[in-house]
């Protein structure tokens, strides 16, 4: 009897997984199809671009500049064991642009933006504002979903680019003030070993991370269960699944971009 119970339980979980996967696939397809057919609300998109992108600058800037500074200290500490202190500028620049910049910005956006999107749309769902949009012949996908997804897709690469610059700046400030690097040599080593491909790979990652965050945030918001508890649950799920998806996508993209 226990075996039958466990088999039934596993089968139930599998059916739930397939149901949610099908719902998510249908949701993603509707974003693509509705985005293709329009209409596109430019003013709403620009408002979300400011809220999602511009207002995230302070936290992204502080996070990346301190990360770059700490990374320089860690690399210098490890490099002294092998008499390789001179690699600090190049490793900081490559590490920030390839990996830490897009991942940190993605996780920050997952916490700040995905939760906000999910809570906002979820509240509209439980208060029947989304039903009112259908009554007014305004498609919620064009009015609510697509502008937010597109804003995430565009703003995250821009934030990552700024974060890369500030992260390298943080490493430069620590290298010059604490580790006694020559400022000119530090900058020359940074420029010498940092390639355009390193920057482009990070921006590609950031664009895909932004798309993931936008889609997951809006998905959990639109499928919020009734009540305040449902909004809270949807917000938590959006942050958790966005963060996990960013980290998983980072591994897949790293292997695709650098290990061909």
C-alpha atoms as a PDB file:
ATOM      1  CA  UNK A   1       0.000   0.000   0.000  1.00  0.00           C
ATOM      2  CA  UNK A   2       2.842   2.388   0.778  1.00  0.00           C
ATOM      3  CA  UNK A   3       4.349   1.792  -2.637  1.00  0.00           C
ATOM      4  CA  UNK A   4       1.029   2.602  -4.307  1.00  0.00           C
ATOM      5  CA  UNK A   5       0.745   5.751  -2.199  1.00  0.00           C
ATOM      6  CA  UNK A   6       4.235   6.965  -3.148  1.00  0.00           C
ATOM      7  CA  UNK A   7       3.694   6.187  -6.829  1.00  0.00           C
ATOM      8  CA  UNK A   8       0.403   8.098  -6.772  1.00  0.00           C
ATOM      9  CA  UNK A   9       2.062  11.023  -4.995  1.00  0.00           C
ATOM     10  CA  UNK A  10       4.911  11.178  -7.508  1.00  0.00           C
ATOM     11  CA  UNK A  11       2.417  10.943 -10.360  1.00  0.00           C
ATOM     12  CA  UNK A  12       0.401  13.789  -8.863  1.00  0.00           C
ATOM     13  CA  UNK A  13       3.499  15.980  -8.614  1.00  0.00           C
ATOM     14  CA  UNK A  14       4.430  15.147 -12.188  1.00  0.00           C
ATOM     15  CA  UNK A  15       0.961  16.111 -13.435  1.00  0.00           C
ATOM     16  CA  UNK A  16       1.142  19.389 -11.512  1.00  0.00           C
ATOM     17  CA  UNK A  17       4.534  20.080 -13.085  1.00  0.00           C
ATOM     18  CA  UNK A  18       3.213  19.385 -16.596  1.00  0.00           C
ATOM     19  CA  UNK A  19       0.201  21.619 -15.961  1.00  0.00           C
ATOM     20  CA  UNK A  20       2.360  24.534 -14.835  1.00  0.00           C
ATOM     21  CA  UNK A  21       4.776  23.969 -17.698  1.00  0.00           C
ATOM     22  CA  UNK A  22       1.945  24.038 -20.197  1.00  0.00           C
ATOM     23  CA  UNK A  23       0.501  27.172 -18.603  1.00  0.00           C
ATOM     24  CA  UNK A  24       3.897  28.883 -18.751  1.00  0.00           C
ATOM     25  CA  UNK A  25       4.443  27.842 -22.379  1.00  0.00           C
ATOM     26  CA  UNK A  26       1.023  29.169 -23.347  1.00  0.00           C
ATOM     27  CA  UNK A  27       1.730  32.407 -21.476  1.00  0.00           C
ATOM     28  CA  UNK A  28       5.069  32.870 -23.284  1.00  0.00           C
ATOM     29  CA  UNK A  29       3.482  32.171 -26.643  1.00  0.00           C
ATOM     30  CA  UNK A  30       0.776  34.767 -25.993  1.00  0.00           C
ATOM     31  CA  UNK A  31       3.457  37.362 -25.205  1.00  0.00           C
ATOM     32  CA  UNK A  32       5.101  36.670 -28.555  1.00  0.00           C
ATOM     33  CA  UNK A  33       1.884  36.616 -30.562  1.00  0.00           C
ATOM     34  CA  UNK A  34       0.311  39.662 -28.891  1.00  0.00           C
ATOM     35  CA  UNK A  35       3.574  41.573 -29.157  1.00  0.00           C
ATOM     36  CA  UNK A  36       3.666  40.864 -32.888  1.00  0.00           C
ATOM     37  CA  UNK A  37       0.100  41.945 -33.539  1.00  0.00           C
ATOM     38  CA  UNK A  38       0.082  44.998 -31.239  1.00  0.00           C
ATOM     39  CA  UNK A  39      -0.920  47.586 -30.216  1.00  0.00           C
ATOM     40  CA  UNK A  40       2.181  48.844 -28.424  1.00  0.00           C
ATOM     41  CA  UNK A  41       1.766  51.392 -25.604  1.00  0.00           C
ATOM     42  CA  UNK A  42       4.896  53.535 -25.910  1.00  0.00           C
ATOM     43  CA  UNK A  43       4.201  55.834 -22.945  1.00  0.00           C
ATOM     44  CA  UNK A  44       3.608  52.915 -20.596  1.00  0.00           C
ATOM     45  CA  UNK A  45       6.785  51.231 -21.833  1.00  0.00           C
ATOM     46  CA  UNK A  46       8.860  54.368 -21.205  1.00  0.00           C
ATOM     47  CA  UNK A  47       7.434  54.700 -17.688  1.00  0.00           C
ATOM     48  CA  UNK A  48       8.430  51.113 -16.904  1.00  0.00           C
ATOM     49  CA  UNK A  49      11.841  51.658 -18.474  1.00  0.00           C
ATOM     50  CA  UNK A  50      12.450  54.458 -15.969  1.00  0.00           C
ATOM     51  CA  UNK A  51      11.048  52.527 -13.004  1.00  0.00           C
ATOM     52  CA  UNK A  52      12.861  49.307 -13.833  1.00  0.00           C
ATOM     53  CA  UNK A  53      16.103  50.635 -15.279  1.00  0.00           C
ATOM     54  CA  UNK A  54      16.877  54.124 -14.047  1.00  0.00           C
ATOM     55  CA  UNK A  55      15.643  53.637 -10.478  1.00  0.00           C
ATOM     56  CA  UNK A  56      17.767  50.480 -10.172  1.00  0.00           C
ATOM     57  CA  UNK A  57      20.983  52.407 -10.839  1.00  0.00           C
ATOM     58  CA  UNK A  58      21.835  53.248  -7.190  1.00  0.00           C
ATOM     59  CA  UNK A  59      21.675  49.676  -5.901  1.00  0.00           C
ATOM     60  CA  UNK A  60      23.431  48.300  -8.998  1.00  0.00           C
ATOM     61  CA  UNK A  61      26.166  50.926  -8.750  1.00  0.00           C
ATOM     62  CA  UNK A  62      26.846  50.354  -5.061  1.00  0.00           C
ATOM     63  CA  UNK A  63      26.808  46.576  -5.433  1.00  0.00           C
ATOM     64  CA  UNK A  64      29.205  46.444  -8.379  1.00  0.00           C
ATOM     65  CA  UNK A  65      31.695  49.020  -7.110  1.00  0.00           C
ATOM     66  CA  UNK A  66      32.071  47.245  -3.760  1.00  0.00           C
ATOM     67  CA  UNK A  67      32.231  43.867  -5.503  1.00  0.00           C
ATOM     68  CA  UNK A  68      35.013  45.092  -7.780  1.00  0.00           C
ATOM     69  CA  UNK A  69      36.908  46.449  -4.769  1.00  0.00           C
ATOM     70  CA  UNK A  70      36.550  43.203  -2.816  1.00  0.00           C
ATOM     71  CA  UNK A  71      37.494  41.154  -5.889  1.00  0.00           C
ATOM     72  CA  UNK A  72      40.729  43.121  -6.284  1.00  0.00           C
ATOM     73  CA  UNK A  73      41.652  42.424  -2.662  1.00  0.00           C
ATOM     74  CA  UNK A  74      40.881  38.704  -3.002  1.00  0.00           C
ATOM     75  CA  UNK A  75      42.837  38.298  -6.241  1.00  0.00           C
ATOM     76  CA  UNK A  76      45.811  40.185  -4.825  1.00  0.00           C
ATOM     77  CA  UNK A  77      45.746  38.029  -1.689  1.00  0.00           C
ATOM     78  CA  UNK A  78      45.720  34.842  -3.771  1.00  0.00           C
ATOM     79  CA  UNK A  79      48.203  36.162  -6.318  1.00  0.00           C
ATOM     80  CA  UNK A  80      50.844  36.854  -3.698  1.00  0.00           C
ATOM     81  CA  UNK A  81      51.132  33.095  -3.094  1.00  0.00           C
ATOM     82  CA  UNK A  82      52.339  32.615  -6.683  1.00  0.00           C
ATOM     83  CA  UNK A  83      54.093  35.971  -7.201  1.00  0.00           C
ATOM     84  CA  UNK A  84      51.348  36.921  -9.662  1.00  0.00           C
ATOM     85  CA  UNK A  85      50.080  40.194  -8.174  1.00  0.00           C
ATOM     86  CA  UNK A  86      50.244  41.841 -11.596  1.00  0.00           C
ATOM     87  CA  UNK A  87      47.206  39.885 -12.818  1.00  0.00           C
ATOM     88  CA  UNK A  88      44.847  41.817 -10.535  1.00  0.00           C
ATOM     89  CA  UNK A  89      43.757  44.452 -13.120  1.00  0.00           C
ATOM     90  CA  UNK A  90      43.075  41.960 -15.912  1.00  0.00           C
ATOM     91  CA  UNK A  91      41.305  39.381 -13.746  1.00  0.00           C
ATOM     92  CA  UNK A  92      39.113  42.008 -12.098  1.00  0.00           C
ATOM     93  CA  UNK A  93      38.074  43.409 -15.486  1.00  0.00           C
ATOM     94  CA  UNK A  94      37.437  40.004 -17.080  1.00  0.00           C
ATOM     95  CA  UNK A  95      35.648  38.637 -14.014  1.00  0.00           C
ATOM     96  CA  UNK A  96      33.368  41.655 -13.748  1.00  0.00           C
ATOM     97  CA  UNK A  97      32.506  41.858 -17.449  1.00  0.00           C
ATOM     98  CA  UNK A  98      32.088  38.153 -18.131  1.00  0.00           C
ATOM     99  CA  UNK A  99      30.500  36.887 -14.950  1.00  0.00           C
ATOM    100  CA  UNK A 100      29.946  39.061 -11.901  1.00  0.00           C
ATOM    101  CA  UNK A 101      28.469  42.077 -13.683  1.00  0.00           C
ATOM    102  CA  UNK A 102      25.567  40.341 -15.454  1.00  0.00           C
ATOM    103  CA  UNK A 103      24.922  37.837 -12.647  1.00  0.00           C
ATOM    104  CA  UNK A 104      24.872  40.429  -9.869  1.00  0.00           C
ATOM    105  CA  UNK A 105      22.668  42.759 -11.889  1.00  0.00           C
ATOM    106  CA  UNK A 106      20.391  39.841 -12.738  1.00  0.00           C
ATOM    107  CA  UNK A 107      20.006  38.820  -9.096  1.00  0.00           C
ATOM    108  CA  UNK A 108      19.413  42.419  -8.042  1.00  0.00           C
ATOM    109  CA  UNK A 109      16.727  42.773 -10.698  1.00  0.00           C
ATOM    110  CA  UNK A 110      15.204  39.457  -9.654  1.00  0.00           C
ATOM    111  CA  UNK A 111      14.849  40.748  -6.105  1.00  0.00           C
ATOM    112  CA  UNK A 112      13.831  44.300  -6.858  1.00  0.00           C
ATOM    113  CA  UNK A 113      11.951  44.143 -10.164  1.00  0.00           C
ATOM    114  CA  UNK A 114      10.454  40.646 -10.362  1.00  0.00           C
ATOM    115  CA  UNK A 115       8.911  41.039  -6.916  1.00  0.00           C
ATOM    116  CA  UNK A 116       7.534  44.478  -7.757  1.00  0.00           C
ATOM    117  CA  UNK A 117       6.061  43.333 -11.069  1.00  0.00           C
ATOM    118  CA  UNK A 118       4.500  40.229  -9.545  1.00  0.00           C
ATOM    119  CA  UNK A 119       3.008  42.105  -6.578  1.00  0.00           C
ATOM    120  CA  UNK A 120       1.608  44.878  -8.767  1.00  0.00           C
ATOM    121  CA  UNK A 121       0.006  42.610 -11.354  1.00  0.00           C
ATOM    122  CA  UNK A 122      -1.109  40.154  -8.651  1.00  0.00           C
ATOM    123  CA  UNK A 123      -2.895  42.930  -6.775  1.00  0.00           C
ATOM    124  CA  UNK A 124      -4.612  43.980  -9.986  1.00  0.00           C
ATOM    125  CA  UNK A 125      -5.625  40.362 -10.528  1.00  0.00           C
ATOM    126  CA  UNK A 126      -7.220  39.840  -7.098  1.00  0.00           C
ATOM    127  CA  UNK A 127      -8.986  43.223  -7.205  1.00  0.00           C
ATOM    128  CA  UNK A 128     -10.435  42.360 -10.651  1.00  0.00           C
ATOM    129  CA  UNK A 129      -8.716  45.259 -12.412  1.00  0.00           C
ATOM    130  CA  UNK A 130      -7.478  42.873 -15.104  1.00  0.00           C
ATOM    131  CA  UNK A 131     -11.050  41.757 -15.736  1.00  0.00           C
ATOM    132  CA  UNK A 132     -11.936  45.428 -16.130  1.00  0.00           C
ATOM    133  CA  UNK A 133      -9.313  45.725 -18.882  1.00  0.00           C
ATOM    134  CA  UNK A 134     -11.038  42.958 -20.814  1.00  0.00           C
ATOM    135  CA  UNK A 135     -14.333  44.821 -20.345  1.00  0.00           C
ATOM    136  CA  UNK A 136     -12.745  47.966 -21.794  1.00  0.00           C
ATOM    137  CA  UNK A 137     -11.429  45.929 -24.748  1.00  0.00           C
ATOM    138  CA  UNK A 138      -7.800  46.492 -23.651  1.00  0.00           C
ATOM    139  CA  UNK A 139      -5.723  43.321 -23.847  1.00  0.00           C
ATOM    140  CA  UNK A 140      -3.801  42.863 -20.545  1.00  0.00           C
ATOM    141  CA  UNK A 141      -0.859  41.338 -22.412  1.00  0.00           C
ATOM    142  CA  UNK A 142      -0.338  44.474 -24.497  1.00  0.00           C
ATOM    143  CA  UNK A 143      -1.181  46.831 -21.651  1.00  0.00           C
ATOM    144  CA  UNK A 144       0.513  45.156 -18.665  1.00  0.00           C
ATOM    145  CA  UNK A 145       2.810  42.312 -19.686  1.00  0.00           C
ATOM    146  CA  UNK A 146       4.693  43.265 -22.847  1.00  0.00           C
ATOM    147  CA  UNK A 147       5.826  46.767 -21.735  1.00  0.00           C
ATOM    148  CA  UNK A 148       7.298  45.328 -18.530  1.00  0.00           C
ATOM    149  CA  UNK A 149       9.006  42.397 -20.252  1.00  0.00           C
ATOM    150  CA  UNK A 150      10.490  44.658 -22.929  1.00  0.00           C
ATOM    151  CA  UNK A 151      11.646  47.168 -20.305  1.00  0.00           C
ATOM    152  CA  UNK A 152      13.465  44.393 -18.414  1.00  0.00           C
ATOM    153  CA  UNK A 153      14.995  43.104 -21.640  1.00  0.00           C
ATOM    154  CA  UNK A 154      16.388  46.522 -22.584  1.00  0.00           C
ATOM    155  CA  UNK A 155      17.308  47.949 -19.187  1.00  0.00           C
ATOM    156  CA  UNK A 156      19.335  45.040 -17.790  1.00  0.00           C
ATOM    157  CA  UNK A 157      22.118  45.172 -20.445  1.00  0.00           C
ATOM    158  CA  UNK A 158      22.387  48.935 -19.906  1.00  0.00           C
ATOM    159  CA  UNK A 159      22.588  48.451 -16.140  1.00  0.00           C
ATOM    160  CA  UNK A 160      25.177  45.730 -16.631  1.00  0.00           C
ATOM    161  CA  UNK A 161      27.325  47.972 -18.800  1.00  0.00           C
ATOM    162  CA  UNK A 162      27.264  50.673 -16.136  1.00  0.00           C
ATOM    163  CA  UNK A 163      27.904  48.046 -13.466  1.00  0.00           C
ATOM    164  CA  UNK A 164      30.937  46.763 -15.391  1.00  0.00           C
ATOM    165  CA  UNK A 165      32.423  50.263 -15.482  1.00  0.00           C
ATOM    166  CA  UNK A 166      31.798  50.855 -11.786  1.00  0.00           C
ATOM    167  CA  UNK A 167      33.086  47.404 -10.834  1.00  0.00           C
ATOM    168  CA  UNK A 168      36.343  48.014 -12.684  1.00  0.00           C
ATOM    169  CA  UNK A 169      36.480  51.455 -11.063  1.00  0.00           C
ATOM    170  CA  UNK A 170      36.112  49.865  -7.634  1.00  0.00           C
ATOM    171  CA  UNK A 171      39.016  47.532  -8.348  1.00  0.00           C
ATOM    172  CA  UNK A 172      41.077  50.457  -9.664  1.00  0.00           C
ATOM    173  CA  UNK A 173      40.471  52.563  -6.560  1.00  0.00           C
ATOM    174  CA  UNK A 174      41.480  49.750  -4.218  1.00  0.00           C
ATOM    175  CA  UNK A 175      44.439  48.790  -6.406  1.00  0.00           C
ATOM    176  CA  UNK A 176      45.816  52.321  -6.429  1.00  0.00           C
ATOM    177  CA  UNK A 177      44.994  53.389  -2.871  1.00  0.00           C
ATOM    178  CA  UNK A 178      45.500  50.140  -0.927  1.00  0.00           C
ATOM    179  CA  UNK A 179      47.589  47.772  -3.052  1.00  0.00           C
ATOM    180  CA  UNK A 180      50.056  50.419  -4.309  1.00  0.00           C
ATOM    181  CA  UNK A 181      49.531  49.820  -8.030  1.00  0.00           C
ATOM    182  CA  UNK A 182      50.680  52.473 -10.446  1.00  0.00           C
ATOM    183  CA  UNK A 183      47.494  54.070 -11.868  1.00  0.00           C
ATOM    184  CA  UNK A 184      48.804  54.153 -15.432  1.00  0.00           C
ATOM    185  CA  UNK A 185      50.005  50.540 -15.389  1.00  0.00           C
ATOM    186  CA  UNK A 186      46.734  49.394 -13.823  1.00  0.00           C
ATOM    187  CA  UNK A 187      44.692  51.000 -16.599  1.00  0.00           C
ATOM    188  CA  UNK A 188      47.041  49.766 -19.317  1.00  0.00           C
ATOM    189  CA  UNK A 189      46.798  46.162 -18.067  1.00  0.00           C
ATOM    190  CA  UNK A 190      43.021  46.458 -17.895  1.00  0.00           C
ATOM    191  CA  UNK A 191      42.748  47.693 -21.484  1.00  0.00           C
ATOM    192  CA  UNK A 192      45.382  45.266 -22.767  1.00  0.00           C
ATOM    193  CA  UNK A 193      43.747  42.045 -21.564  1.00  0.00           C
ATOM    194  CA  UNK A 194      40.064  43.014 -21.724  1.00  0.00           C
ATOM    195  CA  UNK A 195      38.548  42.145 -25.112  1.00  0.00           C
ATOM    196  CA  UNK A 196      35.342  43.278 -26.774  1.00  0.00           C
ATOM    197  CA  UNK A 197      34.135  39.675 -26.679  1.00  0.00           C
ATOM    198  CA  UNK A 198      34.286  39.724 -22.884  1.00  0.00           C
ATOM    199  CA  UNK A 199      32.012  42.763 -22.749  1.00  0.00           C
ATOM    200  CA  UNK A 200      29.638  41.467 -25.425  1.00  0.00           C
ATOM    201  CA  UNK A 201      29.230  38.093 -23.724  1.00  0.00           C
ATOM    202  CA  UNK A 202      28.189  39.803 -20.495  1.00  0.00           C
ATOM    203  CA  UNK A 203      25.679  41.990 -22.308  1.00  0.00           C
ATOM    204  CA  UNK A 204      24.196  38.967 -24.100  1.00  0.00           C
ATOM    205  CA  UNK A 205      23.796  37.251 -20.745  1.00  0.00           C
ATOM    206  CA  UNK A 206      22.189  40.356 -19.272  1.00  0.00           C
ATOM    207  CA  UNK A 207      19.648  40.638 -22.105  1.00  0.00           C
ATOM    208  CA  UNK A 208      18.556  37.027 -21.640  1.00  0.00           C
ATOM    209  CA  UNK A 209      18.453  37.453 -17.857  1.00  0.00           C
ATOM    210  CA  UNK A 210      16.233  40.503 -18.319  1.00  0.00           C
ATOM    211  CA  UNK A 211      13.883  38.526 -20.529  1.00  0.00           C
ATOM    212  CA  UNK A 212      13.715  35.709 -17.976  1.00  0.00           C
ATOM    213  CA  UNK A 213      13.015  38.101 -15.099  1.00  0.00           C
ATOM    214  CA  UNK A 214      10.334  39.976 -17.014  1.00  0.00           C
ATOM    215  CA  UNK A 215       8.524  36.841 -18.155  1.00  0.00           C
ATOM    216  CA  UNK A 216       8.631  35.100 -14.764  1.00  0.00           C
ATOM    217  CA  UNK A 217       7.621  38.218 -12.851  1.00  0.00           C
ATOM    218  CA  UNK A 218       4.599  38.863 -15.046  1.00  0.00           C
ATOM    219  CA  UNK A 219       3.689  35.165 -15.194  1.00  0.00           C
ATOM    220  CA  UNK A 220       3.479  34.740 -11.420  1.00  0.00           C
ATOM    221  CA  UNK A 221       1.639  38.044 -11.091  1.00  0.00           C
ATOM    222  CA  UNK A 222      -0.979  37.157 -13.692  1.00  0.00           C
ATOM    223  CA  UNK A 223      -1.551  33.720 -12.134  1.00  0.00           C
ATOM    224  CA  UNK A 224      -1.890  34.959  -8.553  1.00  0.00           C
ATOM    225  CA  UNK A 225      -4.327  33.114  -6.339  1.00  0.00           C
ATOM    226  CA  UNK A 226      -7.147  35.007  -4.651  1.00  0.00           C
ATOM    227  CA  UNK A 227      -6.367  36.976  -1.500  1.00  0.00           C
ATOM    228  CA  UNK A 228      -3.440  38.770   0.100  1.00  0.00           C
ATOM    229  CA  UNK A 229      -1.780  35.424   0.819  1.00  0.00           C
ATOM    230  CA  UNK A 230      -1.896  34.617  -2.881  1.00  0.00           C
ATOM    231  CA  UNK A 231      -0.163  37.898  -3.756  1.00  0.00           C
ATOM    232  CA  UNK A 232       2.568  37.184  -1.207  1.00  0.00           C
ATOM    233  CA  UNK A 233       3.043  33.660  -2.521  1.00  0.00           C
ATOM    234  CA  UNK A 234       3.257  34.884  -6.111  1.00  0.00           C
ATOM    235  CA  UNK A 235       5.833  37.504  -5.128  1.00  0.00           C
ATOM    236  CA  UNK A 236       8.009  34.928  -3.365  1.00  0.00           C
ATOM    237  CA  UNK A 237       7.749  32.505  -6.274  1.00  0.00           C
ATOM    238  CA  UNK A 238       8.721  35.189  -8.779  1.00  0.00           C
ATOM    239  CA  UNK A 239      11.877  36.082  -6.847  1.00  0.00           C
ATOM    240  CA  UNK A 240      12.881  32.476  -6.172  1.00  0.00           C
ATOM    241  CA  UNK A 241      12.312  31.198  -9.693  1.00  0.00           C
ATOM    242  CA  UNK A 242      13.861  34.284 -11.301  1.00  0.00           C
ATOM    243  CA  UNK A 243      17.018  33.921  -9.194  1.00  0.00           C
ATOM    244  CA  UNK A 244      17.313  30.193  -9.883  1.00  0.00           C
ATOM    245  CA  UNK A 245      16.666  30.695 -13.586  1.00  0.00           C
ATOM    246  CA  UNK A 246      19.290  33.449 -13.817  1.00  0.00           C
ATOM    247  CA  UNK A 247      21.935  31.226 -12.240  1.00  0.00           C
ATOM    248  CA  UNK A 248      20.983  28.225 -14.381  1.00  0.00           C
ATOM    249  CA  UNK A 249      20.915  30.311 -17.562  1.00  0.00           C
ATOM    250  CA  UNK A 250      24.288  31.780 -16.616  1.00  0.00           C
ATOM    251  CA  UNK A 251      25.877  28.331 -16.616  1.00  0.00           C
ATOM    252  CA  UNK A 252      24.272  27.370 -19.935  1.00  0.00           C
ATOM    253  CA  UNK A 253      25.297  30.636 -21.596  1.00  0.00           C
ATOM    254  CA  UNK A 254      28.823  30.444 -20.192  1.00  0.00           C
ATOM    255  CA  UNK A 255      29.278  26.985 -21.656  1.00  0.00           C
ATOM    256  CA  UNK A 256      27.788  28.086 -24.977  1.00  0.00           C
ATOM    257  CA  UNK A 257      29.844  31.274 -25.279  1.00  0.00           C
ATOM    258  CA  UNK A 258      33.237  30.167 -23.974  1.00  0.00           C
ATOM    259  CA  UNK A 259      33.495  26.391 -24.360  1.00  0.00           C
ATOM    260  CA  UNK A 260      32.687  25.722 -28.007  1.00  0.00           C
END
